[in-house]
Amino acid sequence: MTDNGYGLWPLVVFNSLLVVIFAASFFHPRSKRDWRVLGGFSAFAVALFTEMYGYPLTVYLLTGPLAGLIPGVNLSHNAGHLWTDLIGWKGDPHVSPFHLASYAFIGGGFWLIAAAWRHLYAAQKARRLAVSGPYAHVRHPQYAGFVLIMVGFLLQWPTFATLAMFPVLLLVYRRLAIREEREVAAEFGEAWERYAAATRRFVPRLNPSPPPAPQEPR
């Protein structure tokens, strides 16, 4: 199976650890909620690399019981780039539009997580509401960053497992965000209400309102 680029379990471990440690270094988890966010993302990464380099369950299903669902899929490693198979891409899948777009999503997601952390840390240190930087556009930029990274990996190498996990993680992150908002609202009161009214939770407005001036907690 290694002839086809699978069964490479050291690569599964290496890439999983690399992405998770990289994400943790950008995210700086501290609370139980932070670790739940990182844990969900870590499960997604492990599932992804297990099929990318270990056991390609999705490819096997699409060449066996589900053969014909996506034309052109075979047991080669390149066949795991299913979007390129779907559009009939004949060149190197690593330079396909989907793969190139995945780099933008993954890179943008890591940048958003890191940039948001700097503003959040500064706000927490000053005991004020974070409303600058990425927080001027969305209320939960770090969660949004993890979502962008997962979308990037789905564009690069979709699997049945990660496609099933993705909406579940969206719901989990939404619930965690709502719980976090309750705590912040109790701490900052009217300042939070004005900020939340002007700033969306995950998707930025096309014409954002100016963020409210930072205020200390009540």
N, C-alpha and C. Protein backbone atom coordinates (compact mmCIF):
# COMPACT_ATOMS: atom_id res chain seq x y z
N MET A 1 0.83 -1.21 0.00
CA MET A 1 0.00 0.00 0.00
C MET A 1 0.86 1.26 0.00
N THR A 2 2.12 1.16 0.50
CA THR A 2 3.00 2.31 0.47
C THR A 2 3.36 2.71 -0.95
N ASP A 3 3.22 1.78 -1.91
CA ASP A 3 3.49 2.12 -3.31
C ASP A 3 2.52 3.18 -3.80
N ASN A 4 1.33 3.23 -3.22
CA ASN A 4 0.33 4.20 -3.63
C ASN A 4 0.34 5.45 -2.74
N GLY A 5 1.30 5.54 -1.84
CA GLY A 5 1.38 6.71 -0.98
C GLY A 5 0.55 6.60 0.29
N TYR A 6 0.13 5.37 0.65
CA TYR A 6 -0.65 5.16 1.87
C TYR A 6 0.11 4.19 2.77
N GLY A 7 -0.42 3.99 3.98
CA GLY A 7 0.26 3.12 4.93
C GLY A 7 1.49 3.76 5.53
N LEU A 8 1.61 5.08 5.38
CA LEU A 8 2.78 5.80 5.90
C LEU A 8 2.43 6.37 7.27
N TRP A 9 2.32 5.52 8.27
CA TRP A 9 1.84 5.94 9.58
C TRP A 9 2.76 6.92 10.29
N PRO A 10 4.08 6.85 10.12
CA PRO A 10 4.91 7.92 10.71
C PRO A 10 4.54 9.31 10.18
N LEU A 11 4.16 9.38 8.89
CA LEU A 11 3.73 10.66 8.34
C LEU A 11 2.40 11.11 8.94
N VAL A 12 1.53 10.15 9.23
CA VAL A 12 0.26 10.48 9.89
C VAL A 12 0.52 11.15 11.23
N VAL A 13 1.40 10.53 12.02
CA VAL A 13 1.72 11.05 13.36
C VAL A 13 2.42 12.40 13.24
N PHE A 14 3.40 12.48 12.34
CA PHE A 14 4.18 13.71 12.21
C PHE A 14 3.31 14.89 11.79
N ASN A 15 2.51 14.70 10.74
CA ASN A 15 1.68 15.80 10.24
C ASN A 15 0.60 16.19 11.23
N SER A 16 0.01 15.21 11.91
CA SER A 16 -1.02 15.52 12.91
C SER A 16 -0.43 16.36 14.04
N LEU A 17 0.73 15.91 14.56
CA LEU A 17 1.37 16.67 15.64
C LEU A 17 1.81 18.05 15.17
N LEU A 18 2.32 18.13 13.96
CA LEU A 18 2.80 19.41 13.43
C LEU A 18 1.67 20.42 13.37
N VAL A 19 0.54 20.02 12.80
CA VAL A 19 -0.59 20.95 12.64
C VAL A 19 -1.18 21.32 14.00
N VAL A 20 -1.34 20.33 14.89
CA VAL A 20 -1.94 20.60 16.20
C VAL A 20 -1.04 21.51 17.04
N ILE A 21 0.26 21.21 17.06
CA ILE A 21 1.19 22.04 17.83
C ILE A 21 1.27 23.45 17.24
N PHE A 22 1.25 23.53 15.92
CA PHE A 22 1.28 24.83 15.25
C PHE A 22 0.03 25.63 15.62
N ALA A 23 -1.13 24.97 15.60
CA ALA A 23 -2.37 25.65 15.97
C ALA A 23 -2.35 26.09 17.43
N ALA A 24 -1.85 25.23 18.30
CA ALA A 24 -1.79 25.57 19.73
C ALA A 24 -0.87 26.75 19.98
N SER A 25 0.23 26.84 19.23
CA SER A 25 1.16 27.94 19.41
C SER A 25 0.56 29.27 18.97
N PHE A 26 -0.39 29.22 18.04
CA PHE A 26 -1.08 30.43 17.59
C PHE A 26 -2.25 30.76 18.50
N PHE A 27 -2.91 29.72 19.01
CA PHE A 27 -4.16 29.88 19.75
C PHE A 27 -3.94 30.14 21.24
N HIS A 28 -2.87 29.58 21.80
CA HIS A 28 -2.54 29.74 23.22
C HIS A 28 -3.70 29.32 24.13
N PRO A 29 -4.11 28.04 24.08
CA PRO A 29 -5.25 27.62 24.91
C PRO A 29 -4.93 27.71 26.39
N ARG A 30 -5.90 28.20 27.17
CA ARG A 30 -5.71 28.31 28.62
C ARG A 30 -6.91 27.73 29.38
N SER A 31 -8.10 28.07 28.96
CA SER A 31 -9.30 27.62 29.66
C SER A 31 -9.75 26.26 29.14
N LYS A 32 -10.68 25.64 29.88
CA LYS A 32 -11.26 24.38 29.42
C LYS A 32 -11.95 24.56 28.08
N ARG A 33 -12.58 25.72 27.88
CA ARG A 33 -13.24 25.99 26.61
C ARG A 33 -12.22 26.02 25.47
N ASP A 34 -11.08 26.67 25.72
CA ASP A 34 -10.04 26.73 24.69
C ASP A 34 -9.56 25.33 24.31
N TRP A 35 -9.40 24.48 25.32
CA TRP A 35 -8.92 23.12 25.04
C TRP A 35 -9.98 22.31 24.29
N ARG A 36 -11.26 22.59 24.52
CA ARG A 36 -12.30 21.91 23.76
C ARG A 36 -12.26 22.34 22.29
N VAL A 37 -12.03 23.62 22.06
CA VAL A 37 -11.91 24.12 20.69
C VAL A 37 -10.74 23.44 19.99
N LEU A 38 -9.59 23.43 20.66
CA LEU A 38 -8.41 22.81 20.06
C LEU A 38 -8.59 21.30 19.93
N GLY A 39 -9.28 20.68 20.88
CA GLY A 39 -9.51 19.24 20.81
C GLY A 39 -10.35 18.84 19.60
N GLY A 40 -11.40 19.62 19.33
CA GLY A 40 -12.22 19.33 18.16
C GLY A 40 -11.43 19.48 16.88
N PHE A 41 -10.62 20.53 16.80
CA PHE A 41 -9.78 20.72 15.62
C PHE A 41 -8.75 19.60 15.49
N SER A 42 -8.19 19.17 16.61
CA SER A 42 -7.19 18.09 16.59
C SER A 42 -7.79 16.79 16.07
N ALA A 43 -9.03 16.49 16.48
CA ALA A 43 -9.70 15.28 15.99
C ALA A 43 -9.89 15.36 14.48
N PHE A 44 -10.24 16.54 13.99
CA PHE A 44 -10.39 16.75 12.55
C PHE A 44 -9.07 16.51 11.83
N ALA A 45 -7.97 17.05 12.38
CA ALA A 45 -6.66 16.91 11.75
C ALA A 45 -6.21 15.45 11.73
N VAL A 46 -6.41 14.73 12.82
CA VAL A 46 -6.02 13.31 12.87
C VAL A 46 -6.82 12.50 11.86
N ALA A 47 -8.13 12.75 11.79
CA ALA A 47 -8.96 12.03 10.81
C ALA A 47 -8.50 12.32 9.38
N LEU A 48 -8.13 13.57 9.13
CA LEU A 48 -7.68 13.96 7.80
C LEU A 48 -6.39 13.23 7.42
N PHE A 49 -5.36 13.32 8.27
CA PHE A 49 -4.07 12.75 7.91
C PHE A 49 -4.07 11.23 7.97
N THR A 50 -4.99 10.64 8.75
CA THR A 50 -5.11 9.19 8.74
C THR A 50 -5.50 8.69 7.36
N GLU A 51 -6.41 9.43 6.71
CA GLU A 51 -6.81 9.02 5.35
C GLU A 51 -5.84 9.51 4.29
N MET A 52 -5.18 10.63 4.55
CA MET A 52 -4.25 11.17 3.56
C MET A 52 -3.01 10.31 3.40
N TYR A 53 -2.50 9.78 4.52
CA TYR A 53 -1.25 9.01 4.47
C TYR A 53 -1.36 7.60 5.05
N GLY A 54 -2.44 7.32 5.79
CA GLY A 54 -2.56 6.02 6.44
C GLY A 54 -3.48 5.08 5.68
N TYR A 55 -4.73 5.06 6.11
CA TYR A 55 -5.71 4.14 5.49
C TYR A 55 -6.76 4.98 4.76
N PRO A 56 -6.75 4.98 3.43
CA PRO A 56 -7.64 5.85 2.65
C PRO A 56 -9.06 5.29 2.53
N LEU A 57 -9.81 5.32 3.61
CA LEU A 57 -11.14 4.74 3.62
C LEU A 57 -12.04 5.32 2.54
N THR A 58 -12.03 6.64 2.39
CA THR A 58 -12.89 7.28 1.39
C THR A 58 -12.56 6.81 -0.02
N VAL A 59 -11.26 6.75 -0.34
CA VAL A 59 -10.84 6.31 -1.67
C VAL A 59 -11.24 4.85 -1.90
N TYR A 60 -11.08 4.01 -0.87
CA TYR A 60 -11.47 2.61 -1.01
C TYR A 60 -12.97 2.48 -1.27
N LEU A 61 -13.77 3.25 -0.55
CA LEU A 61 -15.22 3.19 -0.75
C LEU A 61 -15.60 3.67 -2.15
N LEU A 62 -14.91 4.70 -2.64
CA LEU A 62 -15.23 5.25 -3.96
C LEU A 62 -14.70 4.40 -5.11
N THR A 63 -13.81 3.46 -4.79
CA THR A 63 -13.35 2.52 -5.81
C THR A 63 -13.99 1.15 -5.63
N GLY A 64 -14.79 0.98 -4.57
CA GLY A 64 -15.45 -0.29 -4.29
C GLY A 64 -16.96 -0.15 -4.29
N PRO A 65 -17.58 -0.15 -3.10
CA PRO A 65 -19.06 -0.10 -3.03
C PRO A 65 -19.66 1.13 -3.68
N LEU A 66 -18.92 2.26 -3.68
CA LEU A 66 -19.46 3.50 -4.24
C LEU A 66 -18.79 3.86 -5.57
N ALA A 67 -18.23 2.87 -6.24
CA ALA A 67 -17.55 3.11 -7.52
C ALA A 67 -18.50 3.78 -8.51
N GLY A 68 -17.99 4.78 -9.20
CA GLY A 68 -18.79 5.50 -10.17
C GLY A 68 -19.39 6.78 -9.64
N LEU A 69 -19.39 6.95 -8.33
CA LEU A 69 -19.95 8.17 -7.75
C LEU A 69 -19.13 9.38 -8.17
N ILE A 70 -17.80 9.24 -8.15
CA ILE A 70 -16.90 10.29 -8.65
C ILE A 70 -16.02 9.65 -9.71
N PRO A 71 -16.20 9.98 -10.99
CA PRO A 71 -15.41 9.37 -12.06
C PRO A 71 -13.92 9.64 -11.91
N GLY A 72 -13.12 8.65 -12.25
CA GLY A 72 -11.68 8.83 -12.28
C GLY A 72 -10.96 8.50 -11.00
N VAL A 73 -11.68 8.14 -9.94
CA VAL A 73 -11.03 7.83 -8.68
C VAL A 73 -10.39 6.44 -8.76
N ASN A 74 -9.14 6.33 -8.35
CA ASN A 74 -8.46 5.04 -8.27
C ASN A 74 -7.68 4.99 -6.96
N LEU A 75 -6.85 3.99 -6.80
CA LEU A 75 -6.14 3.81 -5.53
C LEU A 75 -4.84 4.60 -5.44
N SER A 76 -4.57 5.46 -6.41
CA SER A 76 -3.36 6.27 -6.34
C SER A 76 -3.53 7.36 -5.29
N HIS A 77 -2.39 7.87 -4.82
CA HIS A 77 -2.45 8.92 -3.79
C HIS A 77 -3.10 10.19 -4.33
N ASN A 78 -2.82 10.54 -5.57
CA ASN A 78 -3.38 11.77 -6.14
C ASN A 78 -4.90 11.72 -6.24
N ALA A 79 -5.47 10.52 -6.26
CA ALA A 79 -6.92 10.39 -6.38
C ALA A 79 -7.64 10.90 -5.14
N GLY A 80 -6.89 11.06 -4.03
CA GLY A 80 -7.52 11.59 -2.82
C GLY A 80 -7.93 13.04 -2.93
N HIS A 81 -7.41 13.74 -3.94
CA HIS A 81 -7.84 15.12 -4.19
C HIS A 81 -9.17 15.06 -4.96
N LEU A 82 -10.23 14.76 -4.25
CA LEU A 82 -11.49 14.38 -4.90
C LEU A 82 -12.12 15.51 -5.71
N TRP A 83 -11.91 16.75 -5.31
CA TRP A 83 -12.51 17.84 -6.08
C TRP A 83 -11.91 17.90 -7.49
N THR A 84 -10.61 17.62 -7.61
CA THR A 84 -10.00 17.62 -8.94
C THR A 84 -10.54 16.47 -9.78
N ASP A 85 -10.80 15.33 -9.13
CA ASP A 85 -11.41 14.21 -9.85
C ASP A 85 -12.81 14.60 -10.33
N LEU A 86 -13.52 15.34 -9.48
CA LEU A 86 -14.90 15.69 -9.79
C LEU A 86 -14.99 16.62 -11.00
N ILE A 87 -14.02 17.52 -11.16
CA ILE A 87 -14.06 18.45 -12.29
C ILE A 87 -13.23 17.95 -13.47
N GLY A 88 -12.64 16.76 -13.32
CA GLY A 88 -11.87 16.20 -14.42
C GLY A 88 -10.53 16.87 -14.65
N TRP A 89 -9.91 17.38 -13.58
CA TRP A 89 -8.61 18.04 -13.69
C TRP A 89 -7.55 17.03 -14.12
N LYS A 90 -6.82 17.34 -15.18
CA LYS A 90 -5.85 16.40 -15.73
C LYS A 90 -4.42 16.67 -15.30
N GLY A 91 -4.15 17.84 -14.77
CA GLY A 91 -2.79 18.18 -14.37
C GLY A 91 -2.49 17.73 -12.96
N ASP A 92 -1.38 18.24 -12.44
CA ASP A 92 -0.96 17.95 -11.06
C ASP A 92 -2.01 18.50 -10.10
N PRO A 93 -2.61 17.66 -9.26
CA PRO A 93 -3.66 18.16 -8.35
C PRO A 93 -3.15 19.19 -7.35
N HIS A 94 -1.84 19.23 -7.13
CA HIS A 94 -1.28 20.17 -6.16
C HIS A 94 -1.27 21.60 -6.69
N VAL A 95 -1.54 21.79 -7.98
CA VAL A 95 -1.64 23.14 -8.55
C VAL A 95 -3.03 23.40 -9.11
N SER A 96 -3.99 22.58 -8.69
CA SER A 96 -5.37 22.79 -9.14
C SER A 96 -5.95 24.01 -8.43
N PRO A 97 -7.02 24.59 -8.96
CA PRO A 97 -7.64 25.75 -8.28
C PRO A 97 -8.05 25.44 -6.85
N PHE A 98 -8.54 24.22 -6.59
CA PHE A 98 -8.96 23.85 -5.24
C PHE A 98 -7.77 23.82 -4.28
N HIS A 99 -6.67 23.24 -4.74
CA HIS A 99 -5.51 23.13 -3.86
C HIS A 99 -4.91 24.50 -3.58
N LEU A 100 -4.82 25.34 -4.60
CA LEU A 100 -4.27 26.68 -4.40
C LEU A 100 -5.17 27.49 -3.46
N ALA A 101 -6.49 27.34 -3.63
CA ALA A 101 -7.42 28.04 -2.73
C ALA A 101 -7.26 27.53 -1.30
N SER A 102 -6.94 26.25 -1.14
CA SER A 102 -6.80 25.70 0.21
C SER A 102 -5.65 26.37 0.94
N TYR A 103 -4.56 26.70 0.24
CA TYR A 103 -3.45 27.39 0.89
C TYR A 103 -3.89 28.74 1.44
N ALA A 104 -4.72 29.45 0.67
CA ALA A 104 -5.19 30.76 1.10
C ALA A 104 -6.06 30.64 2.36
N PHE A 105 -6.96 29.64 2.38
CA PHE A 105 -7.83 29.44 3.53
C PHE A 105 -7.02 29.04 4.77
N ILE A 106 -6.10 28.08 4.59
CA ILE A 106 -5.32 27.59 5.73
C ILE A 106 -4.41 28.70 6.27
N GLY A 107 -3.70 29.37 5.38
CA GLY A 107 -2.83 30.46 5.80
C GLY A 107 -3.61 31.60 6.44
N GLY A 108 -4.76 31.96 5.84
CA GLY A 108 -5.59 33.01 6.40
C GLY A 108 -6.15 32.63 7.76
N GLY A 109 -6.49 31.36 7.93
CA GLY A 109 -7.02 30.91 9.22
C GLY A 109 -5.98 31.01 10.32
N PHE A 110 -4.76 30.55 10.05
CA PHE A 110 -3.70 30.65 11.06
C PHE A 110 -3.38 32.11 11.37
N TRP A 111 -3.35 32.94 10.34
CA TRP A 111 -3.08 34.37 10.57
C TRP A 111 -4.17 34.98 11.46
N LEU A 112 -5.43 34.65 11.18
CA LEU A 112 -6.54 35.21 11.95
C LEU A 112 -6.47 34.80 13.41
N ILE A 113 -6.15 33.53 13.67
CA ILE A 113 -6.03 33.05 15.05
C ILE A 113 -4.93 33.80 15.78
N ALA A 114 -3.78 33.95 15.14
CA ALA A 114 -2.64 34.61 15.78
C ALA A 114 -2.92 36.10 16.01
N ALA A 115 -3.47 36.77 14.99
CA ALA A 115 -3.75 38.20 15.11
C ALA A 115 -4.79 38.46 16.18
N ALA A 116 -5.81 37.62 16.24
CA ALA A 116 -6.85 37.80 17.25
C ALA A 116 -6.30 37.59 18.65
N TRP A 117 -5.42 36.61 18.82
CA TRP A 117 -4.87 36.35 20.15
C TRP A 117 -4.12 37.56 20.69
N ARG A 118 -3.36 38.24 19.84
CA ARG A 118 -2.61 39.40 20.30
C ARG A 118 -3.54 40.49 20.84
N HIS A 119 -4.63 40.74 20.14
CA HIS A 119 -5.57 41.76 20.59
C HIS A 119 -6.35 41.30 21.82
N LEU A 120 -6.68 40.01 21.86
CA LEU A 120 -7.39 39.49 23.03
C LEU A 120 -6.50 39.54 24.27
N TYR A 121 -5.26 39.16 24.13
CA TYR A 121 -4.34 39.17 25.27
C TYR A 121 -4.15 40.59 25.80
N ALA A 122 -3.99 41.55 24.89
CA ALA A 122 -3.83 42.94 25.31
C ALA A 122 -5.08 43.44 26.04
N ALA A 123 -6.25 43.07 25.54
CA ALA A 123 -7.50 43.50 26.17
C ALA A 123 -7.67 42.87 27.54
N GLN A 124 -7.36 41.59 27.65
CA GLN A 124 -7.49 40.91 28.95
C GLN A 124 -6.51 41.48 29.96
N LYS A 125 -5.33 41.80 29.51
CA LYS A 125 -4.32 42.37 30.41
C LYS A 125 -4.77 43.72 30.93
N ALA A 126 -5.46 44.50 30.09
CA ALA A 126 -5.96 45.81 30.49
C ALA A 126 -7.36 45.73 31.10
N ARG A 127 -7.90 44.54 31.22
CA ARG A 127 -9.25 44.33 31.78
C ARG A 127 -10.30 45.13 31.02
N ARG A 128 -10.26 45.02 29.70
CA ARG A 128 -11.25 45.68 28.88
C ARG A 128 -11.74 44.73 27.80
N LEU A 129 -12.79 45.13 27.13
CA LEU A 129 -13.39 44.32 26.07
C LEU A 129 -12.53 44.39 24.81
N ALA A 130 -12.27 43.25 24.18
CA ALA A 130 -11.49 43.22 22.94
C ALA A 130 -12.38 43.64 21.78
N VAL A 131 -12.09 44.79 21.18
CA VAL A 131 -12.89 45.30 20.06
C VAL A 131 -12.02 45.76 18.89
N SER A 132 -10.70 45.58 18.98
CA SER A 132 -9.80 46.05 17.94
C SER A 132 -9.29 44.89 17.11
N GLY A 133 -8.60 45.22 16.02
CA GLY A 133 -8.06 44.18 15.14
C GLY A 133 -9.17 43.32 14.56
N PRO A 134 -8.98 42.02 14.51
CA PRO A 134 -10.04 41.14 13.98
C PRO A 134 -11.34 41.25 14.76
N TYR A 135 -11.26 41.61 16.04
CA TYR A 135 -12.47 41.73 16.85
C TYR A 135 -13.33 42.92 16.42
N ALA A 136 -12.80 43.80 15.62
CA ALA A 136 -13.61 44.89 15.08
C ALA A 136 -14.54 44.40 13.97
N HIS A 137 -14.30 43.19 13.49
CA HIS A 137 -15.09 42.67 12.37
C HIS A 137 -15.98 41.50 12.76
N VAL A 138 -15.50 40.63 13.65
CA VAL A 138 -16.30 39.50 14.13
C VAL A 138 -16.06 39.33 15.62
N ARG A 139 -17.04 38.76 16.31
CA ARG A 139 -16.93 38.61 17.76
C ARG A 139 -16.03 37.44 18.17
N HIS A 140 -15.87 36.46 17.27
CA HIS A 140 -15.07 35.27 17.60
C HIS A 140 -14.11 34.95 16.46
N PRO A 141 -13.11 35.81 16.25
CA PRO A 141 -12.20 35.59 15.11
C PRO A 141 -11.37 34.31 15.23
N GLN A 142 -11.05 33.88 16.46
CA GLN A 142 -10.24 32.66 16.58
C GLN A 142 -11.05 31.43 16.18
N TYR A 143 -12.31 31.37 16.57
CA TYR A 143 -13.15 30.27 16.10
C TYR A 143 -13.27 30.32 14.58
N ALA A 144 -13.47 31.53 14.05
CA ALA A 144 -13.56 31.68 12.60
C ALA A 144 -12.28 31.22 11.91
N GLY A 145 -11.14 31.46 12.56
CA GLY A 145 -9.87 31.01 11.99
C GLY A 145 -9.78 29.51 11.90
N PHE A 146 -10.22 28.81 12.94
CA PHE A 146 -10.22 27.34 12.88
C PHE A 146 -11.15 26.84 11.77
N VAL A 147 -12.28 27.51 11.59
CA VAL A 147 -13.20 27.11 10.54
C VAL A 147 -12.55 27.30 9.17
N LEU A 148 -11.85 28.41 8.97
CA LEU A 148 -11.17 28.65 7.70
C LEU A 148 -10.13 27.57 7.42
N ILE A 149 -9.38 27.17 8.44
CA ILE A 149 -8.36 26.12 8.25
C ILE A 149 -9.03 24.81 7.83
N MET A 150 -10.14 24.46 8.50
CA MET A 150 -10.82 23.21 8.16
C MET A 150 -11.39 23.27 6.75
N VAL A 151 -11.93 24.43 6.36
CA VAL A 151 -12.41 24.57 4.98
C VAL A 151 -11.26 24.39 4.00
N GLY A 152 -10.09 24.95 4.34
CA GLY A 152 -8.93 24.78 3.48
C GLY A 152 -8.54 23.33 3.30
N PHE A 153 -8.53 22.57 4.40
CA PHE A 153 -8.20 21.15 4.29
C PHE A 153 -9.27 20.37 3.53
N LEU A 154 -10.52 20.78 3.67
CA LEU A 154 -11.59 20.11 2.91
C LEU A 154 -11.46 20.40 1.41
N LEU A 155 -10.98 21.58 1.06
CA LEU A 155 -10.74 21.88 -0.36
C LEU A 155 -9.56 21.07 -0.89
N GLN A 156 -8.61 20.79 0.01
CA GLN A 156 -7.40 20.08 -0.41
C GLN A 156 -7.59 18.57 -0.46
N TRP A 157 -8.24 18.01 0.56
CA TRP A 157 -8.34 16.55 0.65
C TRP A 157 -9.62 16.18 1.41
N PRO A 158 -10.77 16.20 0.76
CA PRO A 158 -12.03 15.87 1.45
C PRO A 158 -12.15 14.38 1.71
N THR A 159 -12.70 14.02 2.85
CA THR A 159 -12.99 12.63 3.17
C THR A 159 -14.40 12.55 3.76
N PHE A 160 -14.98 11.37 3.76
CA PHE A 160 -16.30 11.21 4.36
C PHE A 160 -16.27 11.57 5.85
N ALA A 161 -15.18 11.19 6.52
CA ALA A 161 -15.09 11.45 7.96
C ALA A 161 -15.02 12.95 8.25
N THR A 162 -14.14 13.67 7.56
CA THR A 162 -13.99 15.10 7.83
C THR A 162 -15.21 15.90 7.35
N LEU A 163 -15.83 15.46 6.26
CA LEU A 163 -17.05 16.13 5.81
C LEU A 163 -18.17 15.95 6.83
N ALA A 164 -18.20 14.80 7.50
CA ALA A 164 -19.21 14.57 8.54
C ALA A 164 -18.87 15.33 9.81
N MET A 165 -17.58 15.45 10.13
CA MET A 165 -17.17 16.14 11.34
C MET A 165 -17.36 17.64 11.24
N PHE A 166 -17.21 18.19 10.05
CA PHE A 166 -17.20 19.64 9.90
C PHE A 166 -18.48 20.32 10.42
N PRO A 167 -19.68 19.91 9.99
CA PRO A 167 -20.88 20.58 10.54
C PRO A 167 -21.05 20.36 12.03
N VAL A 168 -20.61 19.21 12.54
CA VAL A 168 -20.69 18.96 13.98
C VAL A 168 -19.80 19.95 14.73
N LEU A 169 -18.58 20.18 14.23
CA LEU A 169 -17.68 21.13 14.87
C LEU A 169 -18.21 22.55 14.77
N LEU A 170 -18.88 22.88 13.67
CA LEU A 170 -19.49 24.20 13.56
C LEU A 170 -20.52 24.41 14.67
N LEU A 171 -21.33 23.40 14.93
CA LEU A 171 -22.33 23.49 16.00
C LEU A 171 -21.66 23.59 17.37
N VAL A 172 -20.60 22.80 17.56
CA VAL A 172 -19.88 22.84 18.84
C VAL A 172 -19.29 24.23 19.07
N TYR A 173 -18.64 24.79 18.04
CA TYR A 173 -18.03 26.11 18.18
C TYR A 173 -19.09 27.18 18.41
N ARG A 174 -20.23 27.03 17.77
CA ARG A 174 -21.31 28.01 17.98
C ARG A 174 -21.80 27.96 19.42
N ARG A 175 -21.97 26.77 19.96
CA ARG A 175 -22.42 26.64 21.35
C ARG A 175 -21.38 27.21 22.31
N LEU A 176 -20.11 26.94 22.06
CA LEU A 176 -19.05 27.48 22.91
C LEU A 176 -19.01 29.01 22.82
N ALA A 177 -19.23 29.54 21.62
CA ALA A 177 -19.23 30.99 21.44
C ALA A 177 -20.37 31.64 22.20
N ILE A 178 -21.55 31.04 22.14
CA ILE A 178 -22.70 31.59 22.85
C ILE A 178 -22.47 31.56 24.36
N ARG A 179 -21.90 30.48 24.86
CA ARG A 179 -21.61 30.38 26.29
C ARG A 179 -20.58 31.44 26.69
N GLU A 180 -19.59 31.65 25.85
CA GLU A 180 -18.58 32.66 26.13
C GLU A 180 -19.20 34.06 26.14
N GLU A 181 -20.13 34.29 25.22
CA GLU A 181 -20.78 35.60 25.15
C GLU A 181 -21.57 35.90 26.42
N ARG A 182 -22.20 34.91 26.98
CA ARG A 182 -22.95 35.13 28.22
C ARG A 182 -22.02 35.59 29.33
N GLU A 183 -20.86 34.97 29.42
CA GLU A 183 -19.90 35.34 30.46
C GLU A 183 -19.37 36.75 30.23
N VAL A 184 -19.06 37.09 28.98
CA VAL A 184 -18.53 38.42 28.69
C VAL A 184 -19.61 39.48 28.90
N ALA A 185 -20.86 39.17 28.54
CA ALA A 185 -21.96 40.11 28.75
C ALA A 185 -22.16 40.40 30.22
N ALA A 186 -22.01 39.38 31.07
CA ALA A 186 -22.16 39.59 32.50
C ALA A 186 -21.03 40.45 33.05
N GLU A 187 -19.87 40.42 32.41
CA GLU A 187 -18.72 41.18 32.90
C GLU A 187 -18.72 42.62 32.39
N PHE A 188 -19.11 42.82 31.12
CA PHE A 188 -18.97 44.14 30.52
C PHE A 188 -20.29 44.87 30.28
N GLY A 189 -21.42 44.21 30.46
CA GLY A 189 -22.71 44.87 30.41
C GLY A 189 -23.01 45.62 29.14
N GLU A 190 -23.26 46.94 29.26
CA GLU A 190 -23.69 47.75 28.13
C GLU A 190 -22.63 47.83 27.04
N ALA A 191 -21.36 47.83 27.43
CA ALA A 191 -20.29 47.87 26.43
C ALA A 191 -20.38 46.65 25.51
N TRP A 192 -20.63 45.49 26.11
CA TRP A 192 -20.80 44.28 25.31
C TRP A 192 -22.03 44.36 24.42
N GLU A 193 -23.14 44.86 24.95
CA GLU A 193 -24.37 44.95 24.17
C GLU A 193 -24.18 45.83 22.93
N ARG A 194 -23.49 46.96 23.09
CA ARG A 194 -23.24 47.84 21.94
C ARG A 194 -22.31 47.15 20.94
N TYR A 195 -21.31 46.48 21.46
CA TYR A 195 -20.37 45.78 20.57
C TYR A 195 -21.07 44.65 19.82
N ALA A 196 -21.85 43.85 20.52
CA ALA A 196 -22.54 42.73 19.89
C ALA A 196 -23.56 43.21 18.86
N ALA A 197 -24.19 44.36 19.10
CA ALA A 197 -25.17 44.89 18.16
C ALA A 197 -24.51 45.35 16.87
N ALA A 198 -23.24 45.76 16.96
CA ALA A 198 -22.54 46.29 15.79
C ALA A 198 -21.68 45.26 15.08
N THR A 199 -21.43 44.10 15.74
CA THR A 199 -20.47 43.12 15.22
C THR A 199 -21.09 41.74 15.18
N ARG A 200 -20.99 41.08 14.06
CA ARG A 200 -21.54 39.73 13.93
C ARG A 200 -20.65 38.71 14.61
N ARG A 201 -21.24 37.54 14.84
CA ARG A 201 -20.53 36.50 15.59
C ARG A 201 -19.37 35.90 14.81
N PHE A 202 -19.60 35.49 13.58
CA PHE A 202 -18.56 34.81 12.80
C PHE A 202 -18.32 35.43 11.42
N VAL A 203 -19.35 35.97 10.80
CA VAL A 203 -19.25 36.50 9.43
C VAL A 203 -19.26 38.02 9.48
N PRO A 204 -18.22 38.69 8.99
CA PRO A 204 -18.18 40.15 9.09
C PRO A 204 -19.24 40.83 8.22
N ARG A 205 -19.66 42.01 8.63
CA ARG A 205 -20.58 42.80 7.84
C ARG A 205 -19.85 43.42 6.66
N LEU A 206 -20.58 43.67 5.58
CA LEU A 206 -19.97 44.32 4.42
C LEU A 206 -19.64 45.77 4.73
N ASN A 207 -20.49 46.41 5.52
CA ASN A 207 -20.26 47.80 5.92
C ASN A 207 -20.26 47.87 7.45
N PRO A 208 -19.15 47.50 8.06
CA PRO A 208 -19.13 47.42 9.53
C PRO A 208 -19.27 48.78 10.20
N SER A 209 -19.93 48.77 11.34
CA SER A 209 -20.04 49.97 12.15
C SER A 209 -18.75 50.13 12.95
N PRO A 210 -18.38 51.37 13.28
CA PRO A 210 -17.15 51.54 14.09
C PRO A 210 -17.33 50.88 15.45
N PRO A 211 -16.29 50.19 15.95
CA PRO A 211 -16.40 49.50 17.23
C PRO A 211 -16.55 50.49 18.38
N PRO A 212 -17.22 50.11 19.45
CA PRO A 212 -17.35 51.00 20.60
C PRO A 212 -16.00 51.18 21.29
N ALA A 213 -15.89 52.28 22.01
CA ALA A 213 -14.64 52.51 22.75
C ALA A 213 -14.50 51.49 23.85
N PRO A 214 -13.28 50.96 24.08
CA PRO A 214 -13.10 49.96 25.14
C PRO A 214 -13.50 50.51 26.50
N GLN A 215 -14.13 49.69 27.31
CA GLN A 215 -14.51 50.07 28.64
C GLN A 215 -14.10 48.99 29.62
N GLU A 216 -13.81 49.40 30.84
CA GLU A 216 -13.45 48.44 31.87
C GLU A 216 -14.69 47.76 32.39
N PRO A 217 -14.56 46.55 32.94
CA PRO A 217 -15.72 45.82 33.45
C PRO A 217 -16.37 46.55 34.61
N ARG A 218 -17.65 46.24 34.82
CA ARG A 218 -18.38 46.85 35.92
C ARG A 218 -17.86 46.34 37.26
